[in-house]
Every structure is written in structure tokens, then in C-alpha cells.
Amino acid sequence: MNHRLNNKIWVKGLTMECPHKTAARNCPMRQLRGLSEMDANRTIDEMDDREVSTLLSMHRQCYDRRLKEWGDPVC
């Protein structure tokens, strides 16, 4: 699978739900989660690679920080 498509698929998955169940107040995915599925997908499809990479980077930083503070959300 191509890297660009894979990143967009990750962002689309993250719009469904925060892995920690409750999103941080400053989560950039909140805006996308507030859209209908169709609108969120359209918005993500229209993003350039830099925007998608920025969202994923912000997610990874937040996830790592919360994982250290609270532990694994799946357990």
C-alpha cells in the first residue's frame, strides 16, 4: 500500500474514536469527529501530505504522553 494512502487511512480511523476513549481538549481530530462520516472523509481526502503528517505526528505525541501518564487504554 502506498505511504500517502496509508496515512490517510490512519487519520480516517482516528476520526472514529480516540484510542484513549476520551480525546484531549486540544485534539486536532475533534473537528473531524464533529463532521459526518462523508464530510470527514472528503476533508481528509482533500488534505495534502503535510497536513496529514502533522495530524499523525500530533496524535503520536499525544498518545505517547497519555500512555506514559495513564497506561495502556486497551487494558
N, C-alpha and C. Protein backbone atom coordinates (compact mmCIF):
# COMPACT_ATOMS: atom_id res chain seq x y z
N MET A 1 0.86 -1.18 0.00
CA MET A 1 0.00 0.00 0.00
C MET A 1 0.90 1.24 0.00
N ASN A 2 0.48 2.22 -0.69
CA ASN A 2 1.30 3.43 -0.77
C ASN A 2 1.23 4.22 0.53
N HIS A 3 2.34 4.82 0.88
CA HIS A 3 2.51 5.54 2.16
C HIS A 3 1.48 6.65 2.34
N ARG A 4 1.21 7.40 1.31
CA ARG A 4 0.25 8.52 1.40
C ARG A 4 -1.15 8.01 1.72
N LEU A 5 -1.56 6.96 1.04
CA LEU A 5 -2.87 6.38 1.26
C LEU A 5 -2.96 5.78 2.67
N ASN A 6 -1.91 5.11 3.10
CA ASN A 6 -1.87 4.52 4.43
C ASN A 6 -2.06 5.59 5.50
N ASN A 7 -1.39 6.73 5.36
CA ASN A 7 -1.53 7.81 6.34
C ASN A 7 -2.95 8.35 6.38
N LYS A 8 -3.57 8.49 5.23
CA LYS A 8 -4.95 8.99 5.20
C LYS A 8 -5.90 7.98 5.84
N ILE A 9 -5.65 6.70 5.64
CA ILE A 9 -6.47 5.67 6.26
C ILE A 9 -6.33 5.75 7.78
N TRP A 10 -5.12 5.97 8.28
CA TRP A 10 -4.90 6.13 9.73
C TRP A 10 -5.70 7.30 10.27
N VAL A 11 -5.64 8.43 9.59
CA VAL A 11 -6.38 9.61 10.05
C VAL A 11 -7.88 9.33 10.04
N LYS A 12 -8.35 8.67 9.01
CA LYS A 12 -9.78 8.34 8.95
C LYS A 12 -10.18 7.46 10.12
N GLY A 13 -9.33 6.51 10.46
CA GLY A 13 -9.60 5.65 11.62
C GLY A 13 -9.63 6.44 12.91
N LEU A 14 -8.74 7.39 13.05
CA LEU A 14 -8.68 8.20 14.26
C LEU A 14 -9.87 9.14 14.40
N THR A 15 -10.56 9.40 13.30
CA THR A 15 -11.75 10.26 13.40
C THR A 15 -12.92 9.48 13.99
N MET A 16 -12.84 8.19 13.99
CA MET A 16 -13.93 7.37 14.53
C MET A 16 -13.97 7.43 16.05
N GLU A 17 -12.79 7.35 16.67
CA GLU A 17 -12.73 7.38 18.13
C GLU A 17 -11.29 7.52 18.58
N CYS A 18 -11.10 8.22 19.68
CA CYS A 18 -9.78 8.34 20.28
C CYS A 18 -9.40 6.99 20.89
N PRO A 19 -8.16 6.54 20.69
CA PRO A 19 -7.73 5.28 21.30
C PRO A 19 -7.80 5.30 22.83
N HIS A 20 -7.81 6.49 23.41
CA HIS A 20 -7.92 6.63 24.86
C HIS A 20 -9.37 6.86 25.29
N LYS A 21 -10.30 6.65 24.38
CA LYS A 21 -11.75 6.80 24.60
C LYS A 21 -12.18 8.25 24.76
N THR A 22 -11.43 9.06 25.45
CA THR A 22 -11.76 10.47 25.63
C THR A 22 -10.63 11.29 25.02
N ALA A 23 -10.96 12.10 24.04
CA ALA A 23 -9.95 12.92 23.37
C ALA A 23 -9.48 14.06 24.27
N ALA A 24 -8.23 14.42 24.12
CA ALA A 24 -7.70 15.59 24.82
C ALA A 24 -8.42 16.83 24.31
N ARG A 25 -8.49 17.84 25.15
CA ARG A 25 -9.20 19.08 24.76
C ARG A 25 -8.62 19.72 23.51
N ASN A 26 -7.32 19.58 23.34
CA ASN A 26 -6.66 20.22 22.20
C ASN A 26 -6.44 19.25 21.02
N CYS A 27 -7.16 18.15 21.01
CA CYS A 27 -7.00 17.15 19.95
C CYS A 27 -7.45 17.73 18.60
N PRO A 28 -6.58 17.69 17.60
CA PRO A 28 -6.96 18.22 16.29
C PRO A 28 -7.99 17.34 15.58
N MET A 29 -8.18 16.13 16.05
CA MET A 29 -9.17 15.24 15.44
C MET A 29 -10.59 15.61 15.85
N ARG A 30 -10.74 16.39 16.92
CA ARG A 30 -12.07 16.76 17.41
C ARG A 30 -12.91 17.41 16.30
N GLN A 31 -12.29 18.29 15.54
CA GLN A 31 -13.04 18.96 14.47
C GLN A 31 -13.53 17.95 13.43
N LEU A 32 -12.68 17.00 13.09
CA LEU A 32 -13.07 15.98 12.11
C LEU A 32 -14.13 15.06 12.69
N ARG A 33 -14.04 14.74 13.97
CA ARG A 33 -15.03 13.85 14.60
C ARG A 33 -16.40 14.51 14.67
N GLY A 34 -16.44 15.82 14.61
CA GLY A 34 -17.71 16.54 14.65
C GLY A 34 -18.44 16.55 13.31
N LEU A 35 -17.77 16.09 12.27
CA LEU A 35 -18.37 16.07 10.93
C LEU A 35 -19.05 14.74 10.68
N SER A 36 -19.93 14.71 9.71
CA SER A 36 -20.49 13.43 9.28
C SER A 36 -19.35 12.60 8.71
N GLU A 37 -19.55 11.30 8.64
CA GLU A 37 -18.50 10.42 8.11
C GLU A 37 -18.13 10.83 6.68
N MET A 38 -19.13 11.14 5.88
CA MET A 38 -18.88 11.52 4.50
C MET A 38 -18.07 12.82 4.42
N ASP A 39 -18.44 13.82 5.23
CA ASP A 39 -17.71 15.08 5.22
C ASP A 39 -16.29 14.93 5.76
N ALA A 40 -16.13 14.12 6.80
CA ALA A 40 -14.79 13.89 7.36
C ALA A 40 -13.91 13.21 6.32
N ASN A 41 -14.43 12.19 5.65
CA ASN A 41 -13.65 11.51 4.61
C ASN A 41 -13.29 12.45 3.47
N ARG A 42 -14.23 13.28 3.06
CA ARG A 42 -13.96 14.23 1.98
C ARG A 42 -12.86 15.21 2.41
N THR A 43 -12.96 15.72 3.65
CA THR A 43 -11.97 16.67 4.16
C THR A 43 -10.58 16.04 4.19
N ILE A 44 -10.51 14.81 4.67
CA ILE A 44 -9.21 14.12 4.74
C ILE A 44 -8.67 13.86 3.34
N ASP A 45 -9.52 13.44 2.42
CA ASP A 45 -9.08 13.19 1.04
C ASP A 45 -8.51 14.45 0.39
N GLU A 46 -9.02 15.60 0.79
CA GLU A 46 -8.56 16.87 0.21
C GLU A 46 -7.29 17.42 0.89
N MET A 47 -6.89 16.82 2.02
CA MET A 47 -5.69 17.30 2.72
C MET A 47 -4.44 16.94 1.92
N ASP A 48 -3.44 17.82 2.03
CA ASP A 48 -2.17 17.49 1.39
C ASP A 48 -1.34 16.63 2.37
N ASP A 49 -0.24 16.10 1.88
CA ASP A 49 0.59 15.19 2.68
C ASP A 49 1.08 15.83 3.97
N ARG A 50 1.41 17.11 3.91
CA ARG A 50 1.91 17.81 5.08
C ARG A 50 0.85 17.88 6.18
N GLU A 51 -0.38 18.19 5.80
CA GLU A 51 -1.47 18.26 6.78
C GLU A 51 -1.71 16.91 7.44
N VAL A 52 -1.72 15.86 6.63
CA VAL A 52 -1.94 14.52 7.16
C VAL A 52 -0.79 14.13 8.10
N SER A 53 0.43 14.40 7.68
CA SER A 53 1.60 14.08 8.52
C SER A 53 1.58 14.85 9.83
N THR A 54 1.15 16.09 9.78
CA THR A 54 1.06 16.89 11.00
C THR A 54 0.03 16.30 11.96
N LEU A 55 -1.13 15.93 11.45
CA LEU A 55 -2.14 15.31 12.31
C LEU A 55 -1.63 14.02 12.95
N LEU A 56 -0.97 13.18 12.16
CA LEU A 56 -0.45 11.93 12.70
C LEU A 56 0.65 12.16 13.72
N SER A 57 1.50 13.12 13.46
CA SER A 57 2.56 13.45 14.41
C SER A 57 1.98 13.95 15.73
N MET A 58 0.99 14.83 15.65
CA MET A 58 0.34 15.34 16.86
C MET A 58 -0.34 14.19 17.62
N HIS A 59 -0.97 13.30 16.89
CA HIS A 59 -1.62 12.15 17.53
C HIS A 59 -0.58 11.28 18.25
N ARG A 60 0.51 10.97 17.58
CA ARG A 60 1.53 10.10 18.18
C ARG A 60 2.12 10.72 19.44
N GLN A 61 2.39 12.01 19.40
CA GLN A 61 2.92 12.69 20.59
C GLN A 61 1.92 12.63 21.74
N CYS A 62 0.67 12.91 21.46
CA CYS A 62 -0.38 12.89 22.48
C CYS A 62 -0.55 11.46 23.02
N TYR A 63 -0.60 10.50 22.12
CA TYR A 63 -0.81 9.12 22.53
C TYR A 63 0.34 8.65 23.43
N ASP A 64 1.58 8.95 23.03
CA ASP A 64 2.74 8.55 23.83
C ASP A 64 2.71 9.20 25.21
N ARG A 65 2.36 10.49 25.25
CA ARG A 65 2.30 11.19 26.53
C ARG A 65 1.23 10.57 27.42
N ARG A 66 0.08 10.33 26.88
CA ARG A 66 -1.02 9.77 27.67
C ARG A 66 -0.74 8.33 28.08
N LEU A 67 -0.06 7.59 27.24
CA LEU A 67 0.31 6.22 27.56
C LEU A 67 1.25 6.19 28.76
N LYS A 68 2.20 7.12 28.80
CA LYS A 68 3.13 7.20 29.93
C LYS A 68 2.42 7.62 31.21
N GLU A 69 1.45 8.54 31.08
CA GLU A 69 0.74 9.04 32.24
C GLU A 69 -0.30 8.06 32.76
N TRP A 70 -1.04 7.43 31.88
CA TRP A 70 -2.22 6.66 32.29
C TRP A 70 -2.11 5.16 32.03
N GLY A 71 -1.16 4.74 31.25
CA GLY A 71 -1.06 3.32 30.91
C GLY A 71 -1.84 3.00 29.65
N ASP A 72 -1.82 1.75 29.28
CA ASP A 72 -2.44 1.29 28.05
C ASP A 72 -3.96 1.41 28.13
N PRO A 73 -4.60 2.15 27.21
CA PRO A 73 -6.05 2.36 27.26
C PRO A 73 -6.84 1.09 26.95
N VAL A 74 -6.20 0.10 26.35
CA VAL A 74 -6.91 -1.11 25.95
C VAL A 74 -7.07 -2.06 27.14
N CYS A 75 -6.19 -1.98 28.09
CA CYS A 75 -6.24 -2.88 29.27
C CYS A 75 -7.29 -2.45 30.27
